[in-house]
């Protein structure tokens, strides 16, 4: 499926609650294509990509960047996602082909994929080169609840989150996205209660995104005019030129040691599942150029 992703942000409930509605269907489909994800791995990674994209939409400076690690004891292993203020997102999961029987509700067992013992860690740099690092224990492995706990305890920003990914039998994503409600400082108890009650409507958020998309969903469920719009895309920041720079920085001795042991230099980017291979001649040329 080919559809345009978007994150819409605005204010609701007397301007006291920040609202964000995200459609990340194409983002998840690109992750499925790149990593050849099973439905379970796609759901776990897709939910994490969605929340991370929402968080990136809050970065203030152009050089802002964010990294998320979800490390649990589930069958999928750890999840790694990075992004920046431009919402160039990328990520991967240790086991792209993780599989489990459906959970008690007959849905993909994301909690079992991620695991319930472990932690969620966020490194956020708002562009001022003073990264904030926050870590909280996993709550359920379902991602949405884990990030809600992270916001409450690590950033002291209570946030109601509904996030989901719906996968077709054929393996592609039918709908992915989320709704995020975050009371602003000084928000009244009544409006906080309204936000808590509102999030309960989105238990099937992925199906609602599939049906309505972010714009129509915002119009249908919230009397709000979006004041911010951003389009997340899957984009890795690696390139052969970048890898050449890393090899040059390793130094001549280290490069030649690898060549002697392996006969070539091979670098794999987990985020975009790309292999960069350098022959001995190419590696030598990089070393020579670094001396100039």
C-alpha atoms as a PDB file:
ATOM      1  CA  UNK A   1       0.000   0.000   0.000  1.00  0.00           C
ATOM      2  CA  UNK A   2       1.197   3.509  -0.806  1.00  0.00           C
ATOM      3  CA  UNK A   3      -0.097   6.270   1.461  1.00  0.00           C
ATOM      4  CA  UNK A   4       1.314   9.450   2.880  1.00  0.00           C
ATOM      5  CA  UNK A   5       2.300   9.431   6.519  1.00  0.00           C
ATOM      6  CA  UNK A   6       1.716  12.454   8.712  1.00  0.00           C
ATOM      7  CA  UNK A   7       1.834  13.610  12.319  1.00  0.00           C
ATOM      8  CA  UNK A   8      -0.716  16.283  13.192  1.00  0.00           C
ATOM      9  CA  UNK A   9      -0.417  18.294  16.399  1.00  0.00           C
ATOM     10  CA  UNK A  10      -2.712  20.801  18.051  1.00  0.00           C
ATOM     11  CA  UNK A  11      -4.396  21.739  21.333  1.00  0.00           C
ATOM     12  CA  UNK A  12      -7.690  20.413  22.712  1.00  0.00           C
ATOM     13  CA  UNK A  13      -9.836  20.738  25.820  1.00  0.00           C
ATOM     14  CA  UNK A  14      -9.699  24.508  26.333  1.00  0.00           C
ATOM     15  CA  UNK A  15      -6.140  24.574  24.986  1.00  0.00           C
ATOM     16  CA  UNK A  16      -4.890  22.709  28.055  1.00  0.00           C
ATOM     17  CA  UNK A  17      -3.990  19.367  26.440  1.00  0.00           C
ATOM     18  CA  UNK A  18      -1.550  18.758  23.610  1.00  0.00           C
ATOM     19  CA  UNK A  19      -2.873  16.398  20.939  1.00  0.00           C
ATOM     20  CA  UNK A  20      -0.912  14.464  18.338  1.00  0.00           C
ATOM     21  CA  UNK A  21      -2.370  12.028  15.809  1.00  0.00           C
ATOM     22  CA  UNK A  22       0.055   9.976  13.729  1.00  0.00           C
ATOM     23  CA  UNK A  23      -0.387   7.866  10.609  1.00  0.00           C
ATOM     24  CA  UNK A  24       2.792   5.827  10.125  1.00  0.00           C
ATOM     25  CA  UNK A  25       1.507   3.126   7.775  1.00  0.00           C
ATOM     26  CA  UNK A  26       4.066   3.767   5.036  1.00  0.00           C
ATOM     27  CA  UNK A  27       6.868   4.035   7.582  1.00  0.00           C
ATOM     28  CA  UNK A  28       6.041   0.557   8.872  1.00  0.00           C
ATOM     29  CA  UNK A  29       5.675  -0.861   5.370  1.00  0.00           C
ATOM     30  CA  UNK A  30       9.140   0.431   4.491  1.00  0.00           C
ATOM     31  CA  UNK A  31      10.545  -1.230   7.613  1.00  0.00           C
ATOM     32  CA  UNK A  32       8.821  -4.474   6.565  1.00  0.00           C
ATOM     33  CA  UNK A  33      10.342  -4.217   3.094  1.00  0.00           C
ATOM     34  CA  UNK A  34      13.865  -3.452   4.283  1.00  0.00           C
ATOM     35  CA  UNK A  35      14.038  -6.007   7.069  1.00  0.00           C
ATOM     36  CA  UNK A  36      11.630  -8.649   5.692  1.00  0.00           C
ATOM     37  CA  UNK A  37       9.720  -8.570   8.962  1.00  0.00           C
ATOM     38  CA  UNK A  38       7.307 -11.192  10.222  1.00  0.00           C
ATOM     39  CA  UNK A  39       3.909  -9.794  11.297  1.00  0.00           C
ATOM     40  CA  UNK A  40       4.911  -9.984  14.972  1.00  0.00           C
ATOM     41  CA  UNK A  41       8.261  -8.245  14.486  1.00  0.00           C
ATOM     42  CA  UNK A  42       6.572  -5.634  12.269  1.00  0.00           C
ATOM     43  CA  UNK A  43       4.040  -4.858  15.008  1.00  0.00           C
ATOM     44  CA  UNK A  44       6.693  -4.499  17.713  1.00  0.00           C
ATOM     45  CA  UNK A  45       9.109  -2.421  15.635  1.00  0.00           C
ATOM     46  CA  UNK A  46       6.262  -0.453  14.030  1.00  0.00           C
ATOM     47  CA  UNK A  47       4.810   0.631  17.363  1.00  0.00           C
ATOM     48  CA  UNK A  48       8.247   1.758  18.519  1.00  0.00           C
ATOM     49  CA  UNK A  49       8.861   3.674  15.282  1.00  0.00           C
ATOM     50  CA  UNK A  50       5.489   5.391  15.703  1.00  0.00           C
ATOM     51  CA  UNK A  51       6.092   6.605  19.264  1.00  0.00           C
ATOM     52  CA  UNK A  52       9.663   7.626  18.420  1.00  0.00           C
ATOM     53  CA  UNK A  53       8.386   9.660  15.456  1.00  0.00           C
ATOM     54  CA  UNK A  54       5.939  11.417  17.791  1.00  0.00           C
ATOM     55  CA  UNK A  55       8.799  12.193  20.167  1.00  0.00           C
ATOM     56  CA  UNK A  56      10.960  13.495  17.322  1.00  0.00           C
ATOM     57  CA  UNK A  57       8.141  15.856  16.346  1.00  0.00           C
ATOM     58  CA  UNK A  58       8.730  17.586  19.712  1.00  0.00           C
ATOM     59  CA  UNK A  59      12.438  18.231  19.137  1.00  0.00           C
ATOM     60  CA  UNK A  60      13.103  21.964  19.181  1.00  0.00           C
ATOM     61  CA  UNK A  61      16.397  22.529  17.354  1.00  0.00           C
ATOM     62  CA  UNK A  62      17.355  21.616  13.783  1.00  0.00           C
ATOM     63  CA  UNK A  63      20.201  19.426  15.017  1.00  0.00           C
ATOM     64  CA  UNK A  64      17.931  17.542  17.391  1.00  0.00           C
ATOM     65  CA  UNK A  65      18.040  13.754  17.412  1.00  0.00           C
ATOM     66  CA  UNK A  66      16.624  10.890  19.429  1.00  0.00           C
ATOM     67  CA  UNK A  67      17.455   7.225  19.989  1.00  0.00           C
ATOM     68  CA  UNK A  68      15.276   4.584  21.626  1.00  0.00           C
ATOM     69  CA  UNK A  69      16.270   1.160  22.912  1.00  0.00           C
ATOM     70  CA  UNK A  70      13.679  -1.371  24.053  1.00  0.00           C
ATOM     71  CA  UNK A  71      15.510  -4.266  25.668  1.00  0.00           C
ATOM     72  CA  UNK A  72      13.305  -7.067  26.951  1.00  0.00           C
ATOM     73  CA  UNK A  73      13.442 -10.822  27.377  1.00  0.00           C
ATOM     74  CA  UNK A  74      10.950 -11.654  24.611  1.00  0.00           C
ATOM     75  CA  UNK A  75      11.475 -13.770  21.504  1.00  0.00           C
ATOM     76  CA  UNK A  76      12.099 -10.723  19.295  1.00  0.00           C
ATOM     77  CA  UNK A  77      15.116  -9.501  21.239  1.00  0.00           C
ATOM     78  CA  UNK A  78      15.954  -5.815  21.488  1.00  0.00           C
ATOM     79  CA  UNK A  79      14.491  -3.001  19.369  1.00  0.00           C
ATOM     80  CA  UNK A  80      16.533   0.013  18.271  1.00  0.00           C
ATOM     81  CA  UNK A  81      15.042   3.162  16.695  1.00  0.00           C
ATOM     82  CA  UNK A  82      16.627   6.510  15.839  1.00  0.00           C
ATOM     83  CA  UNK A  83      15.279   9.698  14.329  1.00  0.00           C
ATOM     84  CA  UNK A  84      15.750  13.450  14.067  1.00  0.00           C
ATOM     85  CA  UNK A  85      13.781  16.679  13.962  1.00  0.00           C
ATOM     86  CA  UNK A  86      13.098  16.201  10.232  1.00  0.00           C
ATOM     87  CA  UNK A  87      11.411  12.894  11.197  1.00  0.00           C
ATOM     88  CA  UNK A  88      13.902  10.821   9.256  1.00  0.00           C
ATOM     89  CA  UNK A  89      13.252   7.554  11.099  1.00  0.00           C
ATOM     90  CA  UNK A  90      15.024   4.206  11.069  1.00  0.00           C
ATOM     91  CA  UNK A  91      15.081   1.111  13.244  1.00  0.00           C
ATOM     92  CA  UNK A  92      15.497  -2.622  13.550  1.00  0.00           C
ATOM     93  CA  UNK A  93      14.666  -5.569  15.782  1.00  0.00           C
ATOM     94  CA  UNK A  94      17.133  -8.325  16.697  1.00  0.00           C
ATOM     95  CA  UNK A  95      14.929 -11.104  15.292  1.00  0.00           C
ATOM     96  CA  UNK A  96      13.069  -9.829  12.224  1.00  0.00           C
ATOM     97  CA  UNK A  97      11.263 -13.168  11.896  1.00  0.00           C
ATOM     98  CA  UNK A  98       9.999 -13.525  15.484  1.00  0.00           C
ATOM     99  CA  UNK A  99       6.780 -15.531  15.803  1.00  0.00           C
ATOM    100  CA  UNK A 100       4.378 -16.495  18.589  1.00  0.00           C
ATOM    101  CA  UNK A 101       0.794 -17.770  18.811  1.00  0.00           C
ATOM    102  CA  UNK A 102      -1.860 -15.037  19.142  1.00  0.00           C
ATOM    103  CA  UNK A 103      -2.412 -13.647  22.641  1.00  0.00           C
ATOM    104  CA  UNK A 104      -5.544 -14.185  24.756  1.00  0.00           C
ATOM    105  CA  UNK A 105      -7.395 -11.542  22.698  1.00  0.00           C
ATOM    106  CA  UNK A 106      -6.493 -13.271  19.433  1.00  0.00           C
ATOM    107  CA  UNK A 107      -4.083 -10.502  18.454  1.00  0.00           C
ATOM    108  CA  UNK A 108      -0.364 -10.372  17.734  1.00  0.00           C
ATOM    109  CA  UNK A 109       1.461 -11.008  21.019  1.00  0.00           C
ATOM    110  CA  UNK A 110       3.666  -7.918  21.025  1.00  0.00           C
ATOM    111  CA  UNK A 111       4.179  -8.250  24.790  1.00  0.00           C
ATOM    112  CA  UNK A 112       5.600 -11.711  24.266  1.00  0.00           C
ATOM    113  CA  UNK A 113       7.764 -10.499  21.398  1.00  0.00           C
ATOM    114  CA  UNK A 114       9.272  -7.666  23.444  1.00  0.00           C
ATOM    115  CA  UNK A 115       9.160  -9.297  26.861  1.00  0.00           C
ATOM    116  CA  UNK A 116       8.060  -7.935  30.203  1.00  0.00           C
ATOM    117  CA  UNK A 117      11.420  -7.950  31.975  1.00  0.00           C
ATOM    118  CA  UNK A 118      13.853  -5.308  30.809  1.00  0.00           C
ATOM    119  CA  UNK A 119      13.967  -1.594  30.184  1.00  0.00           C
ATOM    120  CA  UNK A 120      13.116   1.246  27.827  1.00  0.00           C
ATOM    121  CA  UNK A 121      15.846   3.827  27.310  1.00  0.00           C
ATOM    122  CA  UNK A 122      15.676   7.157  25.471  1.00  0.00           C
ATOM    123  CA  UNK A 123      18.601   9.398  24.535  1.00  0.00           C
ATOM    124  CA  UNK A 124      17.370  12.808  23.368  1.00  0.00           C
ATOM    125  CA  UNK A 125      19.581  15.615  22.103  1.00  0.00           C
ATOM    126  CA  UNK A 126      17.693  18.834  21.423  1.00  0.00           C
ATOM    127  CA  UNK A 127      20.602  20.114  19.360  1.00  0.00           C
ATOM    128  CA  UNK A 128      22.482  21.689  22.246  1.00  0.00           C
ATOM    129  CA  UNK A 129      24.909  18.753  22.647  1.00  0.00           C
ATOM    130  CA  UNK A 130      23.698  18.041  26.162  1.00  0.00           C
ATOM    131  CA  UNK A 131      21.815  14.758  25.702  1.00  0.00           C
ATOM    132  CA  UNK A 132      19.073  13.788  28.118  1.00  0.00           C
ATOM    133  CA  UNK A 133      19.063  10.089  28.989  1.00  0.00           C
ATOM    134  CA  UNK A 134      16.024   8.476  30.575  1.00  0.00           C
ATOM    135  CA  UNK A 135      15.480   4.819  31.427  1.00  0.00           C
ATOM    136  CA  UNK A 136      12.463   3.047  32.916  1.00  0.00           C
ATOM    137  CA  UNK A 137      11.568  -0.626  33.462  1.00  0.00           C
ATOM    138  CA  UNK A 138       9.242  -2.268  30.972  1.00  0.00           C
ATOM    139  CA  UNK A 139       5.631  -2.471  32.119  1.00  0.00           C
ATOM    140  CA  UNK A 140       4.050  -4.933  29.683  1.00  0.00           C
ATOM    141  CA  UNK A 141       6.157  -5.052  26.525  1.00  0.00           C
ATOM    142  CA  UNK A 142       3.154  -3.736  24.584  1.00  0.00           C
ATOM    143  CA  UNK A 143       5.118  -0.529  23.804  1.00  0.00           C
ATOM    144  CA  UNK A 144       2.310   1.990  24.393  1.00  0.00           C
ATOM    145  CA  UNK A 145       2.102   1.268  28.126  1.00  0.00           C
ATOM    146  CA  UNK A 146       5.882   1.183  28.373  1.00  0.00           C
ATOM    147  CA  UNK A 147       6.257   4.621  26.800  1.00  0.00           C
ATOM    148  CA  UNK A 148       3.440   6.012  28.974  1.00  0.00           C
ATOM    149  CA  UNK A 149       5.411   4.857  32.029  1.00  0.00           C
ATOM    150  CA  UNK A 150       8.577   6.400  30.585  1.00  0.00           C
ATOM    151  CA  UNK A 151       6.896   9.794  30.086  1.00  0.00           C
ATOM    152  CA  UNK A 152       5.392   9.739  33.590  1.00  0.00           C
ATOM    153  CA  UNK A 153       8.465   8.698  35.539  1.00  0.00           C
ATOM    154  CA  UNK A 154      11.448   9.799  33.458  1.00  0.00           C
ATOM    155  CA  UNK A 155      10.199  13.080  31.993  1.00  0.00           C
ATOM    156  CA  UNK A 156       7.392  13.836  34.505  1.00  0.00           C
ATOM    157  CA  UNK A 157       4.998  14.374  31.597  1.00  0.00           C
ATOM    158  CA  UNK A 158       1.914  12.183  32.059  1.00  0.00           C
ATOM    159  CA  UNK A 159       0.913  11.107  28.550  1.00  0.00           C
ATOM    160  CA  UNK A 160      -2.048   9.036  27.387  1.00  0.00           C
ATOM    161  CA  UNK A 161      -0.958   6.856  24.468  1.00  0.00           C
ATOM    162  CA  UNK A 162      -2.815   4.630  22.023  1.00  0.00           C
ATOM    163  CA  UNK A 163      -0.530   3.048  19.423  1.00  0.00           C
ATOM    164  CA  UNK A 164      -1.054   0.110  17.093  1.00  0.00           C
ATOM    165  CA  UNK A 165      -0.033  -1.704  13.921  1.00  0.00           C
ATOM    166  CA  UNK A 166      -2.381  -3.838  11.806  1.00  0.00           C
ATOM    167  CA  UNK A 167      -0.821  -6.429   9.503  1.00  0.00           C
ATOM    168  CA  UNK A 168      -2.604  -8.081   6.563  1.00  0.00           C
ATOM    169  CA  UNK A 169      -2.440 -11.838   5.956  1.00  0.00           C
ATOM    170  CA  UNK A 170      -0.141 -11.043   3.043  1.00  0.00           C
ATOM    171  CA  UNK A 171       2.360  -9.458   5.468  1.00  0.00           C
ATOM    172  CA  UNK A 172       2.038  -5.752   4.700  1.00  0.00           C
ATOM    173  CA  UNK A 173       0.765  -3.057   7.053  1.00  0.00           C
ATOM    174  CA  UNK A 174      -2.871  -2.036   6.633  1.00  0.00           C
ATOM    175  CA  UNK A 175      -2.803   0.716   9.216  1.00  0.00           C
ATOM    176  CA  UNK A 176      -0.338   2.020  11.790  1.00  0.00           C
ATOM    177  CA  UNK A 177      -0.325   5.075  13.979  1.00  0.00           C
ATOM    178  CA  UNK A 178      -1.186   6.526  17.322  1.00  0.00           C
ATOM    179  CA  UNK A 179      -3.007   9.122  19.384  1.00  0.00           C
ATOM    180  CA  UNK A 180      -1.098  11.035  22.065  1.00  0.00           C
ATOM    181  CA  UNK A 181      -2.683  13.311  24.683  1.00  0.00           C
ATOM    182  CA  UNK A 182      -0.398  15.237  27.021  1.00  0.00           C
ATOM    183  CA  UNK A 183      -1.775  17.736  29.581  1.00  0.00           C
ATOM    184  CA  UNK A 184       0.104  21.016  29.621  1.00  0.00           C
ATOM    185  CA  UNK A 185       1.436  22.467  32.897  1.00  0.00           C
ATOM    186  CA  UNK A 186      -1.446  23.920  34.848  1.00  0.00           C
ATOM    187  CA  UNK A 187      -4.117  21.844  33.090  1.00  0.00           C
ATOM    188  CA  UNK A 188      -7.309  21.543  35.132  1.00  0.00           C
ATOM    189  CA  UNK A 189      -8.452  18.236  36.610  1.00  0.00           C
ATOM    190  CA  UNK A 190     -11.560  18.209  34.404  1.00  0.00           C
ATOM    191  CA  UNK A 191      -9.545  18.454  31.198  1.00  0.00           C
ATOM    192  CA  UNK A 192      -7.076  15.831  32.411  1.00  0.00           C
ATOM    193  CA  UNK A 193     -10.058  13.552  33.037  1.00  0.00           C
ATOM    194  CA  UNK A 194     -11.383  14.276  29.545  1.00  0.00           C
ATOM    195  CA  UNK A 195      -8.033  13.259  28.057  1.00  0.00           C
ATOM    196  CA  UNK A 196      -7.982  10.022  30.050  1.00  0.00           C
ATOM    197  CA  UNK A 197     -11.504   9.174  28.930  1.00  0.00           C
ATOM    198  CA  UNK A 198     -10.778  10.088  25.305  1.00  0.00           C
ATOM    199  CA  UNK A 199      -7.837   7.721  24.929  1.00  0.00           C
ATOM    200  CA  UNK A 200     -10.104   4.790  25.813  1.00  0.00           C
ATOM    201  CA  UNK A 201     -11.853   5.230  22.439  1.00  0.00           C
ATOM    202  CA  UNK A 202      -8.721   4.175  20.578  1.00  0.00           C
ATOM    203  CA  UNK A 203      -8.245   0.587  21.656  1.00  0.00           C
ATOM    204  CA  UNK A 204      -8.333  -0.344  17.955  1.00  0.00           C
ATOM    205  CA  UNK A 205      -6.272   2.616  16.768  1.00  0.00           C
ATOM    206  CA  UNK A 206      -4.664   0.749  13.857  1.00  0.00           C
ATOM    207  CA  UNK A 207      -8.071  -0.102  12.384  1.00  0.00           C
ATOM    208  CA  UNK A 208      -9.218   3.498  12.839  1.00  0.00           C
ATOM    209  CA  UNK A 209      -6.097   4.749  11.060  1.00  0.00           C
ATOM    210  CA  UNK A 210      -6.690   2.225   8.281  1.00  0.00           C
ATOM    211  CA  UNK A 211     -10.259   3.480   7.876  1.00  0.00           C
ATOM    212  CA  UNK A 212      -9.915   7.211   8.479  1.00  0.00           C
ATOM    213  CA  UNK A 213      -6.273   8.264   8.300  1.00  0.00           C
ATOM    214  CA  UNK A 214      -4.877  10.887  10.669  1.00  0.00           C
ATOM    215  CA  UNK A 215      -6.769  13.889   9.274  1.00  0.00           C
ATOM    216  CA  UNK A 216     -10.262  12.434   9.255  1.00  0.00           C
ATOM    217  CA  UNK A 217      -9.683  10.783  12.621  1.00  0.00           C
ATOM    218  CA  UNK A 218      -8.709  14.147  14.099  1.00  0.00           C
ATOM    219  CA  UNK A 219     -11.812  15.773  12.629  1.00  0.00           C
ATOM    220  CA  UNK A 220     -14.086  12.955  13.757  1.00  0.00           C
ATOM    221  CA  UNK A 221     -12.916  12.592  17.361  1.00  0.00           C
ATOM    222  CA  UNK A 222     -11.467  15.997  18.276  1.00  0.00           C
ATOM    223  CA  UNK A 223     -12.682  19.529  17.741  1.00  0.00           C
ATOM    224  CA  UNK A 224      -9.194  20.762  16.949  1.00  0.00           C
ATOM    225  CA  UNK A 225      -7.445  22.551  14.143  1.00  0.00           C
ATOM    226  CA  UNK A 226      -3.919  21.112  13.713  1.00  0.00           C
ATOM    227  CA  UNK A 227      -1.278  23.799  14.102  1.00  0.00           C
ATOM    228  CA  UNK A 228       1.666  21.555  13.239  1.00  0.00           C
ATOM    229  CA  UNK A 229       2.117  19.021  10.479  1.00  0.00           C
ATOM    230  CA  UNK A 230       5.130  16.842   9.789  1.00  0.00           C
ATOM    231  CA  UNK A 231       5.688  13.856   7.510  1.00  0.00           C
ATOM    232  CA  UNK A 232       7.793  11.007   8.921  1.00  0.00           C
ATOM    233  CA  UNK A 233       9.792   8.912   6.449  1.00  0.00           C
ATOM    234  CA  UNK A 234      12.075   5.917   6.745  1.00  0.00           C
ATOM    235  CA  UNK A 235      15.534   7.233   5.950  1.00  0.00           C
ATOM    236  CA  UNK A 236      18.908   5.931   7.082  1.00  0.00           C
ATOM    237  CA  UNK A 237      21.808   8.363   7.350  1.00  0.00           C
ATOM    238  CA  UNK A 238      24.485   5.868   6.328  1.00  0.00           C
ATOM    239  CA  UNK A 239      26.293   5.935   2.961  1.00  0.00           C
ATOM    240  CA  UNK A 240      29.431   4.468   1.440  1.00  0.00           C
ATOM    241  CA  UNK A 241      31.110   7.844   1.846  1.00  0.00           C
ATOM    242  CA  UNK A 242      30.237   7.867   5.565  1.00  0.00           C
ATOM    243  CA  UNK A 243      31.661   4.367   6.026  1.00  0.00           C
ATOM    244  CA  UNK A 244      34.852   5.403   4.210  1.00  0.00           C
ATOM    245  CA  UNK A 245      35.247   8.186   6.761  1.00  0.00           C
ATOM    246  CA  UNK A 246      34.859   5.695   9.608  1.00  0.00           C
ATOM    247  CA  UNK A 247      37.494   3.425   8.093  1.00  0.00           C
ATOM    248  CA  UNK A 248      39.899   6.339   7.699  1.00  0.00           C
ATOM    249  CA  UNK A 249      39.339   7.242  11.351  1.00  0.00           C
ATOM    250  CA  UNK A 250      40.199   3.667  12.420  1.00  0.00           C
ATOM    251  CA  UNK A 251      43.768   4.175  11.348  1.00  0.00           C
ATOM    252  CA  UNK A 252      46.141   2.322   9.057  1.00  0.00           C
ATOM    253  CA  UNK A 253      47.139  -0.389  11.543  1.00  0.00           C
ATOM    254  CA  UNK A 254      43.583  -1.428  12.361  1.00  0.00           C
ATOM    255  CA  UNK A 255      42.472  -1.429   8.708  1.00  0.00           C
ATOM    256  CA  UNK A 256      45.401  -3.615   7.661  1.00  0.00           C
ATOM    257  CA  UNK A 257      44.800  -5.966  10.593  1.00  0.00           C
ATOM    258  CA  UNK A 258      41.213  -6.570   9.423  1.00  0.00           C
ATOM    259  CA  UNK A 259      42.378  -7.087   5.837  1.00  0.00           C
ATOM    260  CA  UNK A 260      44.978  -9.626   6.948  1.00  0.00           C
ATOM    261  CA  UNK A 261      42.358 -11.544   8.914  1.00  0.00           C
ATOM    262  CA  UNK A 262      39.355 -11.350   6.557  1.00  0.00           C
ATOM    263  CA  UNK A 263      40.777 -10.456   3.144  1.00  0.00           C
ATOM    264  CA  UNK A 264      38.297  -7.584   2.851  1.00  0.00           C
ATOM    265  CA  UNK A 265      36.393  -5.138   5.017  1.00  0.00           C
ATOM    266  CA  UNK A 266      32.646  -5.588   5.322  1.00  0.00           C
ATOM    267  CA  UNK A 267      30.415  -3.213   7.277  1.00  0.00           C
ATOM    268  CA  UNK A 268      26.726  -3.936   7.854  1.00  0.00           C
ATOM    269  CA  UNK A 269      24.200  -1.194   8.669  1.00  0.00           C
ATOM    270  CA  UNK A 270      21.448  -2.710  10.800  1.00  0.00           C
ATOM    271  CA  UNK A 271      19.117   0.230  10.257  1.00  0.00           C
ATOM    272  CA  UNK A 272      18.828  -0.135   6.481  1.00  0.00           C
ATOM    273  CA  UNK A 273      20.087  -3.727   6.185  1.00  0.00           C
ATOM    274  CA  UNK A 274      22.851  -2.686   3.777  1.00  0.00           C
ATOM    275  CA  UNK A 275      26.297  -4.270   3.429  1.00  0.00           C
ATOM    276  CA  UNK A 276      29.272  -2.147   2.421  1.00  0.00           C
ATOM    277  CA  UNK A 277      32.197  -4.218   1.121  1.00  0.00           C
ATOM    278  CA  UNK A 278      35.699  -2.829   0.539  1.00  0.00           C
ATOM    279  CA  UNK A 279      38.334  -4.780  -1.367  1.00  0.00           C
ATOM    280  CA  UNK A 280      41.982  -4.617  -0.203  1.00  0.00           C
ATOM    281  CA  UNK A 281      42.697  -2.137  -2.985  1.00  0.00           C
ATOM    282  CA  UNK A 282      39.805   0.111  -1.963  1.00  0.00           C
ATOM    283  CA  UNK A 283      40.765  -0.038   1.710  1.00  0.00           C
ATOM    284  CA  UNK A 284      44.395   0.804   0.885  1.00  0.00           C
ATOM    285  CA  UNK A 285      43.236   3.794  -1.147  1.00  0.00           C
ATOM    286  CA  UNK A 286      41.230   5.060   1.852  1.00  0.00           C
ATOM    287  CA  UNK A 287      44.280   4.685   4.095  1.00  0.00           C
ATOM    288  CA  UNK A 288      46.495   6.538   1.649  1.00  0.00           C
ATOM    289  CA  UNK A 289      43.980   9.365   1.268  1.00  0.00           C
ATOM    290  CA  UNK A 290      43.723   9.746   5.057  1.00  0.00           C
ATOM    291  CA  UNK A 291      47.481  10.466   5.246  1.00  0.00           C
ATOM    292  CA  UNK A 292      47.180  13.554   3.035  1.00  0.00           C
END
